[in-house]
Every structure is written in C-alpha cells, then in structure tokens.
PDB file of N, CA and C in Angstrom:
ATOM      1  N   UNK A   1     -35.431 -10.372  -2.635  1.00  0.00           N
ATOM      2  CA  UNK A   1     -34.515  -9.665  -3.543  1.00  0.00           C
ATOM      3  C   UNK A   1     -35.120  -9.477  -4.973  1.00  0.00           C
ATOM      4  N   UNK A   2     -36.051 -10.219  -5.168  1.00  0.00           N
ATOM      5  CA  UNK A   2     -36.784  -9.986  -6.462  1.00  0.00           C
ATOM      6  C   UNK A   2     -37.232  -8.653  -6.844  1.00  0.00           C
ATOM      7  N   UNK A   3     -37.415  -7.798  -5.761  1.00  0.00           N
ATOM      8  CA  UNK A   3     -37.975  -6.580  -5.946  1.00  0.00           C
ATOM      9  C   UNK A   3     -36.678  -5.465  -5.786  1.00  0.00           C
ATOM     10  N   UNK A   4     -35.623  -5.988  -5.711  1.00  0.00           N
ATOM     11  CA  UNK A   4     -34.255  -5.234  -5.541  1.00  0.00           C
ATOM     12  C   UNK A   4     -33.898  -4.880  -4.089  1.00  0.00           C
ATOM     13  N   UNK A   5     -32.622  -4.416  -4.030  1.00  0.00           N
ATOM     14  CA  UNK A   5     -32.196  -4.245  -2.704  1.00  0.00           C
ATOM     15  C   UNK A   5     -32.821  -3.216  -1.786  1.00  0.00           C
ATOM     16  N   UNK A   6     -33.192  -2.105  -2.407  1.00  0.00           N
ATOM     17  CA  UNK A   6     -34.098  -1.152  -1.611  1.00  0.00           C
ATOM     18  C   UNK A   6     -35.302  -1.707  -0.912  1.00  0.00           C
ATOM     19  N   UNK A   7     -35.937  -2.618  -1.681  1.00  0.00           N
ATOM     20  CA  UNK A   7     -37.116  -3.315  -1.089  1.00  0.00           C
ATOM     21  C   UNK A   7     -36.606  -4.235   0.016  1.00  0.00           C
ATOM     22  N   UNK A   8     -35.492  -4.982  -0.047  1.00  0.00           N
ATOM     23  CA  UNK A   8     -34.954  -5.658   0.874  1.00  0.00           C
ATOM     24  C   UNK A   8     -34.643  -4.923   2.197  1.00  0.00           C
ATOM     25  N   UNK A   9     -34.108  -3.646   2.046  1.00  0.00           N
ATOM     26  CA  UNK A   9     -33.807  -2.905   3.093  1.00  0.00           C
ATOM     27  C   UNK A   9     -35.111  -2.453   3.982  1.00  0.00           C
ATOM     28  N   UNK A  10     -36.129  -2.164   3.153  1.00  0.00           N
ATOM     29  CA  UNK A  10     -37.385  -1.816   3.759  1.00  0.00           C
ATOM     30  C   UNK A  10     -37.880  -2.994   4.598  1.00  0.00           C
ATOM     31  N   UNK A  11     -37.738  -4.114   4.034  1.00  0.00           N
ATOM     32  CA  UNK A  11     -38.172  -5.419   4.889  1.00  0.00           C
ATOM     33  C   UNK A  11     -37.334  -5.618   6.121  1.00  0.00           C
ATOM     34  N   UNK A  12     -35.992  -5.425   6.003  1.00  0.00           N
ATOM     35  CA  UNK A  12     -35.098  -5.581   7.115  1.00  0.00           C
ATOM     36  C   UNK A  12     -35.437  -4.618   8.154  1.00  0.00           C
ATOM     37  N   UNK A  13     -35.733  -3.313   7.683  1.00  0.00           N
ATOM     38  CA  UNK A  13     -35.990  -2.193   8.638  1.00  0.00           C
ATOM     39  C   UNK A  13     -37.214  -2.532   9.559  1.00  0.00           C
ATOM     40  N   UNK A  14     -38.235  -3.292   9.036  1.00  0.00           N
ATOM     41  CA  UNK A  14     -39.358  -3.700   9.624  1.00  0.00           C
ATOM     42  C   UNK A  14     -38.926  -4.598  11.018  1.00  0.00           C
ATOM     43  N   UNK A  15     -37.758  -5.366  10.824  1.00  0.00           N
ATOM     44  CA  UNK A  15     -37.363  -6.170  11.950  1.00  0.00           C
ATOM     45  C   UNK A  15     -36.335  -5.399  12.968  1.00  0.00           C
ATOM     46  N   UNK A  16     -36.066  -4.188  12.687  1.00  0.00           N
ATOM     47  CA  UNK A  16     -35.028  -3.321  13.447  1.00  0.00           C
ATOM     48  C   UNK A  16     -35.330  -3.397  14.928  1.00  0.00           C
ATOM     49  N   UNK A  17     -36.693  -3.385  15.257  1.00  0.00           N
ATOM     50  CA  UNK A  17     -36.875  -3.231  16.780  1.00  0.00           C
ATOM     51  C   UNK A  17     -37.106  -4.577  17.417  1.00  0.00           C
ATOM     52  N   UNK A  18     -37.085  -5.761  16.723  1.00  0.00           N
ATOM     53  CA  UNK A  18     -37.145  -6.882  17.345  1.00  0.00           C
ATOM     54  C   UNK A  18     -36.009  -7.280  18.265  1.00  0.00           C
ATOM     55  N   UNK A  19     -36.261  -7.598  19.564  1.00  0.00           N
ATOM     56  CA  UNK A  19     -35.190  -7.840  20.438  1.00  0.00           C
ATOM     57  C   UNK A  19     -34.219  -8.873  19.975  1.00  0.00           C
ATOM     58  N   UNK A  20     -34.759  -9.952  19.222  1.00  0.00           N
ATOM     59  CA  UNK A  20     -33.921 -10.997  18.843  1.00  0.00           C
ATOM     60  C   UNK A  20     -32.982 -10.626  17.779  1.00  0.00           C
ATOM     61  N   UNK A  21     -33.063  -9.499  17.073  1.00  0.00           N
ATOM     62  CA  UNK A  21     -32.157  -9.062  16.092  1.00  0.00           C
ATOM     63  C   UNK A  21     -31.041  -8.165  16.491  1.00  0.00           C
ATOM     64  N   UNK A  22     -31.051  -7.810  17.800  1.00  0.00           N
ATOM     65  CA  UNK A  22     -30.133  -6.833  18.298  1.00  0.00           C
ATOM     66  C   UNK A  22     -28.644  -7.380  18.384  1.00  0.00           C
ATOM     67  N   UNK A  23     -28.463  -8.683  18.530  1.00  0.00           N
ATOM     68  CA  UNK A  23     -27.221  -9.176  18.601  1.00  0.00           C
ATOM     69  C   UNK A  23     -26.890 -10.380  17.586  1.00  0.00           C
ATOM     70  N   UNK A  24     -27.922 -10.353  16.692  1.00  0.00           N
ATOM     71  CA  UNK A  24     -27.949 -11.548  15.682  1.00  0.00           C
ATOM     72  C   UNK A  24     -27.086 -11.058  14.472  1.00  0.00           C
ATOM     73  N   UNK A  25     -25.811 -11.569  14.171  1.00  0.00           N
ATOM     74  CA  UNK A  25     -25.009 -11.062  13.195  1.00  0.00           C
ATOM     75  C   UNK A  25     -25.496 -11.147  11.879  1.00  0.00           C
ATOM     76  N   UNK A  26     -26.235 -12.214  11.465  1.00  0.00           N
ATOM     77  CA  UNK A  26     -26.778 -12.140  10.084  1.00  0.00           C
ATOM     78  C   UNK A  26     -27.675 -11.016   9.744  1.00  0.00           C
ATOM     79  N   UNK A  27     -28.169 -10.343  10.796  1.00  0.00           N
ATOM     80  CA  UNK A  27     -29.150  -9.147  10.439  1.00  0.00           C
ATOM     81  C   UNK A  27     -28.258  -7.968   9.938  1.00  0.00           C
ATOM     82  N   UNK A  28     -27.282  -7.452  10.617  1.00  0.00           N
ATOM     83  CA  UNK A  28     -26.538  -6.376  10.039  1.00  0.00           C
ATOM     84  C   UNK A  28     -25.670  -6.871   8.778  1.00  0.00           C
ATOM     85  N   UNK A  29     -25.399  -8.150   8.717  1.00  0.00           N
ATOM     86  CA  UNK A  29     -24.607  -8.601   7.454  1.00  0.00           C
ATOM     87  C   UNK A  29     -25.492  -8.588   6.325  1.00  0.00           C
ATOM     88  N   UNK A  30     -26.785  -8.906   6.520  1.00  0.00           N
ATOM     89  CA  UNK A  30     -27.749  -8.817   5.318  1.00  0.00           C
ATOM     90  C   UNK A  30     -27.869  -7.334   4.943  1.00  0.00           C
ATOM     91  N   UNK A  31     -28.060  -6.504   6.066  1.00  0.00           N
ATOM     92  CA  UNK A  31     -28.252  -5.076   5.762  1.00  0.00           C
ATOM     93  C   UNK A  31     -27.022  -4.412   5.035  1.00  0.00           C
ATOM     94  N   UNK A  32     -25.829  -4.877   5.440  1.00  0.00           N
ATOM     95  CA  UNK A  32     -24.761  -4.453   4.806  1.00  0.00           C
ATOM     96  C   UNK A  32     -24.579  -4.808   3.258  1.00  0.00           C
ATOM     97  N   UNK A  33     -24.841  -6.101   3.067  1.00  0.00           N
ATOM     98  CA  UNK A  33     -24.924  -6.554   1.726  1.00  0.00           C
ATOM     99  C   UNK A  33     -25.825  -5.596   0.765  1.00  0.00           C
ATOM    100  N   UNK A  34     -26.995  -5.358   1.287  1.00  0.00           N
ATOM    101  CA  UNK A  34     -27.862  -4.600   0.492  1.00  0.00           C
ATOM    102  C   UNK A  34     -27.563  -3.250   0.319  1.00  0.00           C
ATOM    103  N   UNK A  35     -26.932  -2.693   1.284  1.00  0.00           N
ATOM    104  CA  UNK A  35     -26.361  -1.268   1.312  1.00  0.00           C
ATOM    105  C   UNK A  35     -25.160  -1.293   0.200  1.00  0.00           C
ATOM    106  N   UNK A  36     -24.338  -2.294   0.294  1.00  0.00           N
ATOM    107  CA  UNK A  36     -23.265  -2.380  -0.593  1.00  0.00           C
ATOM    108  C   UNK A  36     -23.786  -2.504  -2.056  1.00  0.00           C
ATOM    109  N   UNK A  37     -24.811  -3.234  -2.301  1.00  0.00           N
ATOM    110  CA  UNK A  37     -25.337  -3.382  -3.660  1.00  0.00           C
ATOM    111  C   UNK A  37     -25.921  -2.044  -4.199  1.00  0.00           C
ATOM    112  N   UNK A  38     -26.289  -1.206  -3.148  1.00  0.00           N
ATOM    113  CA  UNK A  38     -26.772   0.099  -3.514  1.00  0.00           C
ATOM    114  C   UNK A  38     -25.767   1.245  -3.726  1.00  0.00           C
ATOM    115  N   UNK A  39     -24.614   0.815  -3.616  1.00  0.00           N
ATOM    116  CA  UNK A  39     -23.470   1.777  -3.554  1.00  0.00           C
ATOM    117  C   UNK A  39     -23.282   2.629  -2.291  1.00  0.00           C
ATOM    118  N   UNK A  40     -23.877   2.244  -1.248  1.00  0.00           N
ATOM    119  CA  UNK A  40     -23.979   2.998  -0.029  1.00  0.00           C
ATOM    120  C   UNK A  40     -22.858   2.406   0.851  1.00  0.00           C
ATOM    121  N   UNK A  41     -21.495   2.745   0.538  1.00  0.00           N
ATOM    122  CA  UNK A  41     -20.476   1.841   1.017  1.00  0.00           C
ATOM    123  C   UNK A  41     -20.188   2.237   2.462  1.00  0.00           C
ATOM    124  N   UNK A  42     -20.286   3.578   2.757  1.00  0.00           N
ATOM    125  CA  UNK A  42     -19.964   4.029   4.247  1.00  0.00           C
ATOM    126  C   UNK A  42     -20.870   3.162   5.131  1.00  0.00           C
ATOM    127  N   UNK A  43     -22.169   3.252   4.783  1.00  0.00           N
ATOM    128  CA  UNK A  43     -23.313   2.602   5.598  1.00  0.00           C
ATOM    129  C   UNK A  43     -23.053   1.138   5.681  1.00  0.00           C
ATOM    130  N   UNK A  44     -22.562   0.601   4.485  1.00  0.00           N
ATOM    131  CA  UNK A  44     -22.329  -0.865   4.593  1.00  0.00           C
ATOM    132  C   UNK A  44     -21.222  -1.130   5.478  1.00  0.00           C
ATOM    133  N   UNK A  45     -20.207  -0.480   5.559  1.00  0.00           N
ATOM    134  CA  UNK A  45     -19.011  -0.672   6.375  1.00  0.00           C
ATOM    135  C   UNK A  45     -19.372  -0.583   7.835  1.00  0.00           C
ATOM    136  N   UNK A  46     -20.334   0.299   8.107  1.00  0.00           N
ATOM    137  CA  UNK A  46     -20.874   0.426   9.600  1.00  0.00           C
ATOM    138  C   UNK A  46     -21.565  -0.904   9.912  1.00  0.00           C
ATOM    139  N   UNK A  47     -22.287  -1.439   9.020  1.00  0.00           N
ATOM    140  CA  UNK A  47     -23.075  -2.704   9.330  1.00  0.00           C
ATOM    141  C   UNK A  47     -22.290  -3.882   9.381  1.00  0.00           C
ATOM    142  N   UNK A  48     -21.116  -3.930   8.618  1.00  0.00           N
ATOM    143  CA  UNK A  48     -20.276  -5.093   8.552  1.00  0.00           C
ATOM    144  C   UNK A  48     -19.411  -5.072   9.822  1.00  0.00           C
ATOM    145  N   UNK A  49     -19.116  -3.862  10.353  1.00  0.00           N
ATOM    146  CA  UNK A  49     -18.371  -3.785  11.591  1.00  0.00           C
ATOM    147  C   UNK A  49     -19.332  -4.224  12.662  1.00  0.00           C
ATOM    148  N   UNK A  50     -20.541  -3.867  12.735  1.00  0.00           N
ATOM    149  CA  UNK A  50     -21.465  -4.307  13.537  1.00  0.00           C
ATOM    150  C   UNK A  50     -21.653  -5.785  13.760  1.00  0.00           C
ATOM    151  N   UNK A  51     -21.814  -6.312  12.366  1.00  0.00           N
ATOM    152  CA  UNK A  51     -21.888  -7.833  12.412  1.00  0.00           C
ATOM    153  C   UNK A  51     -20.673  -8.473  12.951  1.00  0.00           C
ATOM    154  N   UNK A  52     -19.468  -7.963  12.637  1.00  0.00           N
ATOM    155  CA  UNK A  52     -18.269  -8.505  13.085  1.00  0.00           C
ATOM    156  C   UNK A  52     -18.253  -8.576  14.605  1.00  0.00           C
ATOM    157  N   UNK A  53     -18.667  -7.481  15.267  1.00  0.00           N
ATOM    158  CA  UNK A  53     -18.822  -7.436  16.690  1.00  0.00           C
ATOM    159  C   UNK A  53     -19.631  -8.573  17.366  1.00  0.00           C
ATOM    160  N   UNK A  54     -20.702  -9.023  16.540  1.00  0.00           N
ATOM    161  CA  UNK A  54     -21.577  -9.982  16.940  1.00  0.00           C
ATOM    162  C   UNK A  54     -21.223 -11.504  16.653  1.00  0.00           C
ATOM    163  N   UNK A  55     -20.328 -11.585  15.592  1.00  0.00           N
ATOM    164  CA  UNK A  55     -19.978 -12.954  15.088  1.00  0.00           C
ATOM    165  C   UNK A  55     -19.277 -13.693  16.130  1.00  0.00           C
ATOM    166  N   UNK A  56     -19.505 -15.015  16.155  1.00  0.00           N
ATOM    167  CA  UNK A  56     -18.952 -15.870  17.245  1.00  0.00           C
ATOM    168  C   UNK A  56     -17.755 -16.808  16.652  1.00  0.00           C
ATOM    169  N   UNK A  57     -17.885 -17.255  15.321  1.00  0.00           N
ATOM    170  CA  UNK A  57     -16.860 -18.200  14.956  1.00  0.00           C
ATOM    171  C   UNK A  57     -15.862 -17.627  14.085  1.00  0.00           C
ATOM    172  N   UNK A  58     -14.731 -18.208  13.899  1.00  0.00           N
ATOM    173  CA  UNK A  58     -13.657 -17.719  13.056  1.00  0.00           C
ATOM    174  C   UNK A  58     -13.975 -17.697  11.729  1.00  0.00           C
ATOM    175  N   UNK A  59     -14.725 -18.749  11.052  1.00  0.00           N
ATOM    176  CA  UNK A  59     -15.105 -18.494   9.637  1.00  0.00           C
ATOM    177  C   UNK A  59     -15.974 -17.330   9.483  1.00  0.00           C
ATOM    178  N   UNK A  60     -17.040 -17.032  10.429  1.00  0.00           N
ATOM    179  CA  UNK A  60     -17.867 -15.979  10.307  1.00  0.00           C
ATOM    180  C   UNK A  60     -17.120 -14.573  10.331  1.00  0.00           C
ATOM    181  N   UNK A  61     -16.240 -14.583  11.161  1.00  0.00           N
ATOM    182  CA  UNK A  61     -15.384 -13.263  11.195  1.00  0.00           C
ATOM    183  C   UNK A  61     -14.509 -13.181  10.112  1.00  0.00           C
ATOM    184  N   UNK A  62     -13.862 -14.197   9.637  1.00  0.00           N
ATOM    185  CA  UNK A  62     -13.120 -14.179   8.422  1.00  0.00           C
ATOM    186  C   UNK A  62     -13.923 -13.541   7.120  1.00  0.00           C
ATOM    187  N   UNK A  63     -15.141 -14.150   6.892  1.00  0.00           N
ATOM    188  CA  UNK A  63     -16.048 -13.663   5.947  1.00  0.00           C
ATOM    189  C   UNK A  63     -16.272 -12.161   6.151  1.00  0.00           C
ATOM    190  N   UNK A  64     -16.736 -11.783   7.310  1.00  0.00           N
ATOM    191  CA  UNK A  64     -17.036 -10.369   7.546  1.00  0.00           C
ATOM    192  C   UNK A  64     -15.910  -9.478   7.308  1.00  0.00           C
ATOM    193  N   UNK A  65     -14.671  -9.866   7.649  1.00  0.00           N
ATOM    194  CA  UNK A  65     -13.564  -8.966   7.401  1.00  0.00           C
ATOM    195  C   UNK A  65     -13.351  -8.869   5.949  1.00  0.00           C
ATOM    196  N   UNK A  66     -13.420 -10.058   5.278  1.00  0.00           N
ATOM    197  CA  UNK A  66     -13.301 -10.019   3.818  1.00  0.00           C
ATOM    198  C   UNK A  66     -14.245  -8.986   3.072  1.00  0.00           C
ATOM    199  N   UNK A  67     -15.514  -9.115   3.598  1.00  0.00           N
ATOM    200  CA  UNK A  67     -16.617  -8.172   2.981  1.00  0.00           C
ATOM    201  C   UNK A  67     -16.236  -6.759   3.397  1.00  0.00           C
ATOM    202  N   UNK A  68     -15.793  -6.515   4.685  1.00  0.00           N
ATOM    203  CA  UNK A  68     -15.442  -5.122   5.043  1.00  0.00           C
ATOM    204  C   UNK A  68     -14.366  -4.648   4.274  1.00  0.00           C
ATOM    205  N   UNK A  69     -13.336  -5.388   4.086  1.00  0.00           N
ATOM    206  CA  UNK A  69     -12.233  -4.830   3.166  1.00  0.00           C
ATOM    207  C   UNK A  69     -12.806  -4.516   1.740  1.00  0.00           C
ATOM    208  N   UNK A  70     -13.506  -5.381   1.170  1.00  0.00           N
ATOM    209  CA  UNK A  70     -14.121  -5.072  -0.123  1.00  0.00           C
ATOM    210  C   UNK A  70     -14.923  -3.650  -0.093  1.00  0.00           C
ATOM    211  N   UNK A  71     -15.609  -3.503   0.953  1.00  0.00           N
ATOM    212  CA  UNK A  71     -16.318  -2.229   1.030  1.00  0.00           C
ATOM    213  C   UNK A  71     -15.436  -1.051   1.220  1.00  0.00           C
ATOM    214  N   UNK A  72     -14.515  -1.250   2.002  1.00  0.00           N
ATOM    215  CA  UNK A  72     -13.446  -0.113   2.192  1.00  0.00           C
ATOM    216  C   UNK A  72     -12.639  -0.035   0.889  1.00  0.00           C
ATOM    217  N   UNK A  73     -12.344  -0.819   0.147  1.00  0.00           N
ATOM    218  CA  UNK A  73     -11.744  -0.733  -1.227  1.00  0.00           C
ATOM    219  C   UNK A  73     -12.736   0.138  -2.098  1.00  0.00           C
ATOM    220  N   UNK A  74     -14.038  -0.077  -1.988  1.00  0.00           N
ATOM    221  CA  UNK A  74     -14.803   0.723  -2.782  1.00  0.00           C
ATOM    222  C   UNK A  74     -14.951   2.136  -2.403  1.00  0.00           C
ATOM    223  N   UNK A  75     -14.994   2.439  -1.046  1.00  0.00           N
ATOM    224  CA  UNK A  75     -14.844   3.742  -0.459  1.00  0.00           C
ATOM    225  C   UNK A  75     -13.624   4.421  -0.975  1.00  0.00           C
ATOM    226  N   UNK A  76     -12.465   3.742  -0.984  1.00  0.00           N
ATOM    227  CA  UNK A  76     -11.265   4.337  -1.268  1.00  0.00           C
ATOM    228  C   UNK A  76     -11.148   4.616  -2.710  1.00  0.00           C
ATOM    229  N   UNK A  77     -11.797   3.803  -3.567  1.00  0.00           N
ATOM    230  CA  UNK A  77     -11.948   4.047  -4.948  1.00  0.00           C
ATOM    231  C   UNK A  77     -12.725   5.187  -5.261  1.00  0.00           C
ATOM    232  N   UNK A  78     -13.975   5.349  -4.643  1.00  0.00           N
ATOM    233  CA  UNK A  78     -14.814   6.399  -4.902  1.00  0.00           C
ATOM    234  C   UNK A  78     -14.268   7.722  -4.462  1.00  0.00           C
ATOM    235  N   UNK A  79     -13.498   7.698  -3.456  1.00  0.00           N
ATOM    236  CA  UNK A  79     -12.867   8.899  -2.868  1.00  0.00           C
ATOM    237  C   UNK A  79     -11.724   9.327  -3.887  1.00  0.00           C
ATOM    238  N   UNK A  80     -10.916   8.442  -4.375  1.00  0.00           N
ATOM    239  CA  UNK A  80      -9.958   8.824  -5.348  1.00  0.00           C
ATOM    240  C   UNK A  80     -10.447   9.292  -6.691  1.00  0.00           C
ATOM    241  N   UNK A  81     -11.573   8.788  -7.172  1.00  0.00           N
ATOM    242  CA  UNK A  81     -12.303   9.331  -8.226  1.00  0.00           C
ATOM    243  C   UNK A  81     -12.887  10.699  -8.130  1.00  0.00           C
ATOM    244  N   UNK A  82     -13.330  11.047  -6.860  1.00  0.00           N
ATOM    245  CA  UNK A  82     -13.837  12.272  -6.540  1.00  0.00           C
ATOM    246  C   UNK A  82     -12.747  13.381  -6.557  1.00  0.00           C
ATOM    247  N   UNK A  83     -11.480  12.901  -6.292  1.00  0.00           N
ATOM    248  CA  UNK A  83     -10.474  13.974  -6.124  1.00  0.00           C
ATOM    249  C   UNK A  83      -9.824  14.208  -7.490  1.00  0.00           C
ATOM    250  N   UNK A  84     -10.218  13.659  -8.440  1.00  0.00           N
ATOM    251  CA  UNK A  84      -9.736  13.878  -9.818  1.00  0.00           C
ATOM    252  C   UNK A  84     -10.365  15.000 -10.426  1.00  0.00           C
TER     253      UNK A  84
END
C-alpha cells in the first residue's frame, strides 16, 4: 500500500492465475478494496460479489455485504451527480 492502490492492484494481478486464489475470498475482497479506493466502484462491486460467493462464515458475509452496500451507494451518488 505504500505505493498506492494502483500498485497494489498490479501485485494482486500477478496472483490471478494461481489456482489457490480462485476460490479464496480474501483475494477478490482485497481487489475490491483497492478498486474502491481508486473510485472504480462498478468493478469493486463485481469483486465484492465474487468474494461474497466464496465467503464461508456469517461474519465474513456480513462484512462483504456492508462493503458492497457502501460501493453501491457510491455508484448511486456518482450517477445522480452525472444526471445533474
């Protein structure tokens, strides 16, 4: 994170083809967080949904739903600002 969210995304992308990452919910969650920090809310929402599909416990799912709700709020806000 020292070099910023874009650098973090590049590092995560290096792991994308690792079989162990395919169903590991922290991977898309981390990616979603970085995308959210970059203001790429639509992409972040996709990654939060993906993480939610892989999460196993109720607390994990609750956290991911909360983050997804935050991102969707940012999307709605951006869309309402654009329509003005």
